[in-house]
Amino acid sequence: MFGLSETAPTAGLVFAQLTRPAAVFWLALAAVAAFALPNTQTLLKTFTLAKAIAGILLLALGLAFMFTQAFNPFLYFQF
């Protein structure tokens, strides 16, 4: 828990996966989206048809990504 034990033999593989350029890029993009972009309340002060259509399209895209994954018996792995 506090790093006092030996590392697992697979620790190098996990580190390699987490530091891939694509993983670092998506992590940086997520950080920008979470902290630099305006929040939903600010974006939806004026609700328009274009925003409603964009929301429905993003929902459909998210569902498509979820349903195209391989089978996994654990629900929380899909999110």
PDB file of N, CA and C in Angstrom:
ATOM      1  N   MET A   1       0.817  -1.192   0.000  1.00  0.00           N
ATOM      2  CA  MET A   1       0.000   0.000   0.000  1.00  0.00           C
ATOM      3  C   MET A   1       0.862   1.257   0.000  1.00  0.00           C
ATOM      4  N   PHE A   2       1.926   1.219   0.749  1.00  0.00           N
ATOM      5  CA  PHE A   2       2.783   2.395   0.837  1.00  0.00           C
ATOM      6  C   PHE A   2       4.085   2.219   0.060  1.00  0.00           C
ATOM      7  N   GLY A   3       4.158   1.195  -0.784  1.00  0.00           N
ATOM      8  CA  GLY A   3       5.347   0.966  -1.582  1.00  0.00           C
ATOM      9  C   GLY A   3       6.465   0.278  -0.839  1.00  0.00           C
ATOM     10  N   LEU A   4       6.154  -0.379   0.259  1.00  0.00           N
ATOM     11  CA  LEU A   4       7.197  -1.039   1.036  1.00  0.00           C
ATOM     12  C   LEU A   4       7.422  -2.479   0.599  1.00  0.00           C
ATOM     13  N   SER A   5       6.555  -3.000  -0.243  1.00  0.00           N
ATOM     14  CA  SER A   5       6.723  -4.380  -0.692  1.00  0.00           C
ATOM     15  C   SER A   5       7.385  -4.395  -2.072  1.00  0.00           C
ATOM     16  N   GLU A   6       7.734  -5.595  -2.501  1.00  0.00           N
ATOM     17  CA  GLU A   6       8.352  -5.726  -3.819  1.00  0.00           C
ATOM     18  C   GLU A   6       7.309  -5.479  -4.904  1.00  0.00           C
ATOM     19  N   THR A   7       7.767  -5.031  -6.049  1.00  0.00           N
ATOM     20  CA  THR A   7       6.849  -4.811  -7.152  1.00  0.00           C
ATOM     21  C   THR A   7       6.562  -6.132  -7.851  1.00  0.00           C
ATOM     22  N   ALA A   8       5.410  -6.194  -8.467  1.00  0.00           N
ATOM     23  CA  ALA A   8       5.027  -7.396  -9.194  1.00  0.00           C
ATOM     24  C   ALA A   8       5.868  -7.513 -10.463  1.00  0.00           C
ATOM     25  N   PRO A   9       6.047  -8.732 -10.950  1.00  0.00           N
ATOM     26  CA  PRO A   9       6.834  -8.898 -12.177  1.00  0.00           C
ATOM     27  C   PRO A   9       6.215  -8.200 -13.387  1.00  0.00           C
ATOM     28  N   THR A  10       4.936  -7.962 -13.340  1.00  0.00           N
ATOM     29  CA  THR A  10       4.254  -7.321 -14.472  1.00  0.00           C
ATOM     30  C   THR A  10       4.206  -5.799 -14.347  1.00  0.00           C
ATOM     31  N   ALA A  11       4.840  -5.235 -13.354  1.00  0.00           N
ATOM     32  CA  ALA A  11       4.792  -3.784 -13.153  1.00  0.00           C
ATOM     33  C   ALA A  11       5.388  -3.034 -14.348  1.00  0.00           C
ATOM     34  N   GLY A  12       6.406  -3.592 -14.967  1.00  0.00           N
ATOM     35  CA  GLY A  12       6.998  -2.945 -16.134  1.00  0.00           C
ATOM     36  C   GLY A  12       6.040  -2.892 -17.312  1.00  0.00           C
ATOM     37  N   LEU A  13       5.224  -3.939 -17.468  1.00  0.00           N
ATOM     38  CA  LEU A  13       4.242  -3.955 -18.549  1.00  0.00           C
ATOM     39  C   LEU A  13       3.158  -2.909 -18.319  1.00  0.00           C
ATOM     40  N   VAL A  14       2.716  -2.781 -17.082  1.00  0.00           N
ATOM     41  CA  VAL A  14       1.702  -1.779 -16.763  1.00  0.00           C
ATOM     42  C   VAL A  14       2.260  -0.380 -17.004  1.00  0.00           C
ATOM     43  N   PHE A  15       3.485  -0.155 -16.583  1.00  0.00           N
ATOM     44  CA  PHE A  15       4.108   1.157 -16.796  1.00  0.00           C
ATOM     45  C   PHE A  15       4.243   1.455 -18.285  1.00  0.00           C
ATOM     46  N   ALA A  16       4.612   0.452 -19.072  1.00  0.00           N
ATOM     47  CA  ALA A  16       4.749   0.644 -20.516  1.00  0.00           C
ATOM     48  C   ALA A  16       3.403   0.970 -21.161  1.00  0.00           C
ATOM     49  N   GLN A  17       2.340   0.347 -20.705  1.00  0.00           N
ATOM     50  CA  GLN A  17       1.016   0.633 -21.255  1.00  0.00           C
ATOM     51  C   GLN A  17       0.558   2.039 -20.886  1.00  0.00           C
ATOM     52  N   LEU A  18       0.832   2.459 -19.681  1.00  0.00           N
ATOM     53  CA  LEU A  18       0.373   3.771 -19.223  1.00  0.00           C
ATOM     54  C   LEU A  18       1.169   4.924 -19.812  1.00  0.00           C
ATOM     55  N   THR A  19       2.369   4.665 -20.247  1.00  0.00           N
ATOM     56  CA  THR A  19       3.201   5.748 -20.770  1.00  0.00           C
ATOM     57  C   THR A  19       3.320   5.708 -22.294  1.00  0.00           C
ATOM     58  N   ARG A  20       2.467   4.943 -22.957  1.00  0.00           N
ATOM     59  CA  ARG A  20       2.433   4.980 -24.420  1.00  0.00           C
ATOM     60  C   ARG A  20       2.052   6.385 -24.859  1.00  0.00           C
ATOM     61  N   PRO A  21       2.541   6.839 -25.999  1.00  0.00           N
ATOM     62  CA  PRO A  21       2.186   8.187 -26.460  1.00  0.00           C
ATOM     63  C   PRO A  21       0.680   8.384 -26.626  1.00  0.00           C
ATOM     64  N   ALA A  22      -0.027   7.381 -27.106  1.00  0.00           N
ATOM     65  CA  ALA A  22      -1.477   7.518 -27.281  1.00  0.00           C
ATOM     66  C   ALA A  22      -2.176   7.662 -25.930  1.00  0.00           C
ATOM     67  N   ALA A  23      -1.744   6.900 -24.933  1.00  0.00           N
ATOM     68  CA  ALA A  23      -2.367   6.977 -23.610  1.00  0.00           C
ATOM     69  C   ALA A  23      -2.101   8.332 -22.963  1.00  0.00           C
ATOM     70  N   VAL A  24      -0.889   8.833 -23.114  1.00  0.00           N
ATOM     71  CA  VAL A  24      -0.557  10.147 -22.552  1.00  0.00           C
ATOM     72  C   VAL A  24      -1.363  11.242 -23.256  1.00  0.00           C
ATOM     73  N   PHE A  25      -1.518  11.117 -24.581  1.00  0.00           N
ATOM     74  CA  PHE A  25      -2.310  12.094 -25.330  1.00  0.00           C
ATOM     75  C   PHE A  25      -3.750  12.113 -24.839  1.00  0.00           C
ATOM     76  N   TRP A  26      -4.389  10.945 -24.723  1.00  0.00           N
ATOM     77  CA  TRP A  26      -5.795  10.902 -24.302  1.00  0.00           C
ATOM     78  C   TRP A  26      -5.951  11.377 -22.861  1.00  0.00           C
ATOM     79  N   LEU A  27      -4.974  11.096 -22.010  1.00  0.00           N
ATOM     80  CA  LEU A  27      -5.033  11.586 -20.636  1.00  0.00           C
ATOM     81  C   LEU A  27      -4.940  13.111 -20.607  1.00  0.00           C
ATOM     82  N   ALA A  28      -4.053  13.672 -21.413  1.00  0.00           N
ATOM     83  CA  ALA A  28      -3.936  15.130 -21.468  1.00  0.00           C
ATOM     84  C   ALA A  28      -5.200  15.756 -22.046  1.00  0.00           C
ATOM     85  N   LEU A  29      -5.769  15.148 -23.073  1.00  0.00           N
ATOM     86  CA  LEU A  29      -7.009  15.662 -23.653  1.00  0.00           C
ATOM     87  C   LEU A  29      -8.158  15.604 -22.647  1.00  0.00           C
ATOM     88  N   ALA A  30      -8.235  14.530 -21.883  1.00  0.00           N
ATOM     89  CA  ALA A  30      -9.276  14.421 -20.851  1.00  0.00           C
ATOM     90  C   ALA A  30      -9.078  15.467 -19.758  1.00  0.00           C
ATOM     91  N   ALA A  31      -7.831  15.732 -19.393  1.00  0.00           N
ATOM     92  CA  ALA A  31      -7.566  16.757 -18.378  1.00  0.00           C
ATOM     93  C   ALA A  31      -7.977  18.137 -18.871  1.00  0.00           C
ATOM     94  N   VAL A  32      -7.705  18.437 -20.133  1.00  0.00           N
ATOM     95  CA  VAL A  32      -8.120  19.722 -20.698  1.00  0.00           C
ATOM     96  C   VAL A  32      -9.638  19.814 -20.727  1.00  0.00           C
ATOM     97  N   ALA A  33     -10.300  18.734 -21.137  1.00  0.00           N
ATOM     98  CA  ALA A  33     -11.761  18.741 -21.195  1.00  0.00           C
ATOM     99  C   ALA A  33     -12.367  18.898 -19.803  1.00  0.00           C
ATOM    100  N   ALA A  34     -11.753  18.301 -18.811  1.00  0.00           N
ATOM    101  CA  ALA A  34     -12.316  18.354 -17.464  1.00  0.00           C
ATOM    102  C   ALA A  34     -12.071  19.688 -16.771  1.00  0.00           C
ATOM    103  N   PHE A  35     -10.920  20.289 -17.010  1.00  0.00           N
ATOM    104  CA  PHE A  35     -10.561  21.465 -16.216  1.00  0.00           C
ATOM    105  C   PHE A  35     -10.581  22.783 -16.979  1.00  0.00           C
ATOM    106  N   ALA A  36     -10.444  22.770 -18.294  1.00  0.00           N
ATOM    107  CA  ALA A  36     -10.347  24.028 -19.032  1.00  0.00           C
ATOM    108  C   ALA A  36     -11.642  24.407 -19.749  1.00  0.00           C
ATOM    109  N   LEU A  37     -12.442  23.438 -20.129  1.00  0.00           N
ATOM    110  CA  LEU A  37     -13.678  23.741 -20.842  1.00  0.00           C
ATOM    111  C   LEU A  37     -14.768  24.178 -19.867  1.00  0.00           C
ATOM    112  N   PRO A  38     -15.743  24.945 -20.336  1.00  0.00           N
ATOM    113  CA  PRO A  38     -16.834  25.355 -19.440  1.00  0.00           C
ATOM    114  C   PRO A  38     -17.704  24.164 -19.050  1.00  0.00           C
ATOM    115  N   ASN A  39     -18.331  24.267 -17.903  1.00  0.00           N
ATOM    116  CA  ASN A  39     -19.159  23.161 -17.439  1.00  0.00           C
ATOM    117  C   ASN A  39     -20.508  23.140 -18.153  1.00  0.00           C
ATOM    118  N   THR A  40     -21.259  22.088 -17.939  1.00  0.00           N
ATOM    119  CA  THR A  40     -22.515  21.879 -18.656  1.00  0.00           C
ATOM    120  C   THR A  40     -23.531  22.969 -18.348  1.00  0.00           C
ATOM    121  N   GLN A  41     -23.572  23.425 -17.119  1.00  0.00           N
ATOM    122  CA  GLN A  41     -24.533  24.468 -16.754  1.00  0.00           C
ATOM    123  C   GLN A  41     -24.295  25.734 -17.576  1.00  0.00           C
ATOM    124  N   THR A  42     -23.046  26.071 -17.787  1.00  0.00           N
ATOM    125  CA  THR A  42     -22.727  27.252 -18.578  1.00  0.00           C
ATOM    126  C   THR A  42     -23.081  27.042 -20.050  1.00  0.00           C
ATOM    127  N   LEU A  43     -22.800  25.850 -20.555  1.00  0.00           N
ATOM    128  CA  LEU A  43     -23.083  25.569 -21.960  1.00  0.00           C
ATOM    129  C   LEU A  43     -24.578  25.530 -22.262  1.00  0.00           C
ATOM    130  N   LEU A  44     -25.374  25.091 -21.304  1.00  0.00           N
ATOM    131  CA  LEU A  44     -26.802  24.911 -21.557  1.00  0.00           C
ATOM    132  C   LEU A  44     -27.673  26.029 -20.993  1.00  0.00           C
ATOM    133  N   LYS A  45     -27.115  27.211 -20.765  1.00  0.00           N
ATOM    134  CA  LYS A  45     -27.952  28.326 -20.316  1.00  0.00           C
ATOM    135  C   LYS A  45     -29.019  28.625 -21.355  1.00  0.00           C
ATOM    136  N   THR A  46     -28.639  28.561 -22.619  1.00  0.00           N
ATOM    137  CA  THR A  46     -29.614  28.681 -23.697  1.00  0.00           C
ATOM    138  C   THR A  46     -29.643  27.345 -24.424  1.00  0.00           C
ATOM    139  N   PHE A  47     -30.780  26.681 -24.338  1.00  0.00           N
ATOM    140  CA  PHE A  47     -30.939  25.358 -24.932  1.00  0.00           C
ATOM    141  C   PHE A  47     -31.480  25.512 -26.348  1.00  0.00           C
ATOM    142  N   THR A  48     -30.737  24.987 -27.315  1.00  0.00           N
ATOM    143  CA  THR A  48     -31.150  25.110 -28.712  1.00  0.00           C
ATOM    144  C   THR A  48     -31.337  23.725 -29.322  1.00  0.00           C
ATOM    145  N   LEU A  49     -31.922  23.683 -30.482  1.00  0.00           N
ATOM    146  CA  LEU A  49     -32.128  22.422 -31.181  1.00  0.00           C
ATOM    147  C   LEU A  49     -30.797  21.788 -31.568  1.00  0.00           C
ATOM    148  N   ALA A  50     -29.827  22.593 -31.946  1.00  0.00           N
ATOM    149  CA  ALA A  50     -28.512  22.069 -32.313  1.00  0.00           C
ATOM    150  C   ALA A  50     -27.846  21.383 -31.120  1.00  0.00           C
ATOM    151  N   LYS A  51     -27.987  21.932 -29.929  1.00  0.00           N
ATOM    152  CA  LYS A  51     -27.408  21.315 -28.739  1.00  0.00           C
ATOM    153  C   LYS A  51     -28.120  20.006 -28.410  1.00  0.00           C
ATOM    154  N   ALA A  52     -29.423  19.958 -28.617  1.00  0.00           N
ATOM    155  CA  ALA A  52     -30.177  18.727 -28.373  1.00  0.00           C
ATOM    156  C   ALA A  52     -29.751  17.635 -29.350  1.00  0.00           C
ATOM    157  N   ILE A  53     -29.590  17.995 -30.612  1.00  0.00           N
ATOM    158  CA  ILE A  53     -29.167  17.017 -31.613  1.00  0.00           C
ATOM    159  C   ILE A  53     -27.740  16.546 -31.324  1.00  0.00           C
ATOM    160  N   ALA A  54     -26.858  17.456 -30.928  1.00  0.00           N
ATOM    161  CA  ALA A  54     -25.485  17.075 -30.586  1.00  0.00           C
ATOM    162  C   ALA A  54     -25.470  16.122 -29.397  1.00  0.00           C
ATOM    163  N   GLY A  55     -26.305  16.365 -28.406  1.00  0.00           N
ATOM    164  CA  GLY A  55     -26.382  15.474 -27.255  1.00  0.00           C
ATOM    165  C   GLY A  55     -26.877  14.092 -27.622  1.00  0.00           C
ATOM    166  N   ILE A  56     -27.884  14.029 -28.474  1.00  0.00           N
ATOM    167  CA  ILE A  56     -28.411  12.727 -28.903  1.00  0.00           C
ATOM    168  C   ILE A  56     -27.370  11.980 -29.728  1.00  0.00           C
ATOM    169  N   LEU A  57     -26.652  12.687 -30.601  1.00  0.00           N
ATOM    170  CA  LEU A  57     -25.603  12.045 -31.392  1.00  0.00           C
ATOM    171  C   LEU A  57     -24.463  11.526 -30.516  1.00  0.00           C
ATOM    172  N   LEU A  58     -24.084  12.296 -29.506  1.00  0.00           N
ATOM    173  CA  LEU A  58     -23.037  11.835 -28.592  1.00  0.00           C
ATOM    174  C   LEU A  58     -23.500  10.632 -27.775  1.00  0.00           C
ATOM    175  N   LEU A  59     -24.768  10.613 -27.383  1.00  0.00           N
ATOM    176  CA  LEU A  59     -25.310   9.457 -26.681  1.00  0.00           C
ATOM    177  C   LEU A  59     -25.274   8.225 -27.580  1.00  0.00           C
ATOM    178  N   ALA A  60     -25.686   8.371 -28.839  1.00  0.00           N
ATOM    179  CA  ALA A  60     -25.671   7.248 -29.778  1.00  0.00           C
ATOM    180  C   ALA A  60     -24.244   6.761 -30.026  1.00  0.00           C
ATOM    181  N   LEU A  61     -23.293   7.681 -30.132  1.00  0.00           N
ATOM    182  CA  LEU A  61     -21.900   7.300 -30.329  1.00  0.00           C
ATOM    183  C   LEU A  61     -21.366   6.533 -29.121  1.00  0.00           C
ATOM    184  N   GLY A  62     -21.686   7.010 -27.925  1.00  0.00           N
ATOM    185  CA  GLY A  62     -21.258   6.314 -26.717  1.00  0.00           C
ATOM    186  C   GLY A  62     -21.855   4.925 -26.610  1.00  0.00           C
ATOM    187  N   LEU A  63     -23.136   4.788 -26.949  1.00  0.00           N
ATOM    188  CA  LEU A  63     -23.766   3.466 -26.935  1.00  0.00           C
ATOM    189  C   LEU A  63     -23.153   2.545 -27.979  1.00  0.00           C
ATOM    190  N   ALA A  64     -22.830   3.093 -29.147  1.00  0.00           N
ATOM    191  CA  ALA A  64     -22.204   2.284 -30.193  1.00  0.00           C
ATOM    192  C   ALA A  64     -20.840   1.772 -29.736  1.00  0.00           C
ATOM    193  N   PHE A  65     -20.062   2.621 -29.094  1.00  0.00           N
ATOM    194  CA  PHE A  65     -18.770   2.175 -28.574  1.00  0.00           C
ATOM    195  C   PHE A  65     -18.951   1.103 -27.513  1.00  0.00           C
ATOM    196  N   MET A  66     -19.946   1.255 -26.659  1.00  0.00           N
ATOM    197  CA  MET A  66     -20.167   0.279 -25.591  1.00  0.00           C
ATOM    198  C   MET A  66     -20.596  -1.075 -26.149  1.00  0.00           C
ATOM    199  N   PHE A  67     -21.451  -1.071 -27.172  1.00  0.00           N
ATOM    200  CA  PHE A  67     -21.955  -2.329 -27.699  1.00  0.00           C
ATOM    201  C   PHE A  67     -20.985  -3.014 -28.648  1.00  0.00           C
ATOM    202  N   THR A  68     -19.961  -2.321 -29.136  1.00  0.00           N
ATOM    203  CA  THR A  68     -19.002  -2.964 -30.027  1.00  0.00           C
ATOM    204  C   THR A  68     -17.823  -3.569 -29.286  1.00  0.00           C
ATOM    205  N   GLN A  69     -17.799  -3.472 -27.967  1.00  0.00           N
ATOM    206  CA  GLN A  69     -16.739  -4.090 -27.196  1.00  0.00           C
ATOM    207  C   GLN A  69     -16.940  -5.602 -27.155  1.00  0.00           C
ATOM    208  N   ALA A  70     -15.881  -6.305 -26.850  1.00  0.00           N
ATOM    209  CA  ALA A  70     -15.974  -7.749 -26.685  1.00  0.00           C
ATOM    210  C   ALA A  70     -16.776  -8.066 -25.424  1.00  0.00           C
ATOM    211  N   PHE A  71     -17.273  -9.279 -25.339  1.00  0.00           N
ATOM    212  CA  PHE A  71     -18.083  -9.669 -24.184  1.00  0.00           C
ATOM    213  C   PHE A  71     -17.254  -9.596 -22.910  1.00  0.00           C
ATOM    214  N   ASN A  72     -17.855  -9.061 -21.880  1.00  0.00           N
ATOM    215  CA  ASN A  72     -17.220  -9.005 -20.574  1.00  0.00           C
ATOM    216  C   ASN A  72     -18.311  -9.168 -19.526  1.00  0.00           C
ATOM    217  N   PRO A  73     -18.171 -10.142 -18.620  1.00  0.00           N
ATOM    218  CA  PRO A  73     -19.245 -10.386 -17.659  1.00  0.00           C
ATOM    219  C   PRO A  73     -19.382  -9.295 -16.596  1.00  0.00           C
ATOM    220  N   PHE A  74     -18.396  -8.424 -16.472  1.00  0.00           N
ATOM    221  CA  PHE A  74     -18.439  -7.387 -15.457  1.00  0.00           C
ATOM    222  C   PHE A  74     -18.950  -6.087 -16.072  1.00  0.00           C
ATOM    223  N   LEU A  75     -20.034  -5.567 -15.564  1.00  0.00           N
ATOM    224  CA  LEU A  75     -20.668  -4.383 -16.120  1.00  0.00           C
ATOM    225  C   LEU A  75     -19.764  -3.160 -16.025  1.00  0.00           C
ATOM    226  N   TYR A  76     -19.028  -3.015 -14.937  1.00  0.00           N
ATOM    227  CA  TYR A  76     -18.254  -1.788 -14.762  1.00  0.00           C
ATOM    228  C   TYR A  76     -17.072  -1.717 -15.699  1.00  0.00           C
ATOM    229  N   PHE A  77     -16.674  -2.796 -16.376  1.00  0.00           N
ATOM    230  CA  PHE A  77     -15.616  -2.725 -17.370  1.00  0.00           C
ATOM    231  C   PHE A  77     -16.076  -2.044 -18.641  1.00  0.00           C
ATOM    232  N   GLN A  78     -17.376  -1.862 -18.831  1.00  0.00           N
ATOM    233  CA  GLN A  78     -17.893  -1.238 -20.028  1.00  0.00           C
ATOM    234  C   GLN A  78     -17.915   0.287 -19.927  1.00  0.00           C
ATOM    235  N   PHE A  79     -17.656   0.832 -18.768  1.00  0.00           N
ATOM    236  CA  PHE A  79     -17.720   2.286 -18.599  1.00  0.00           C
ATOM    237  C   PHE A  79     -16.360   2.873 -18.380  1.00  0.00           C
TER     238      PHE A  79
END
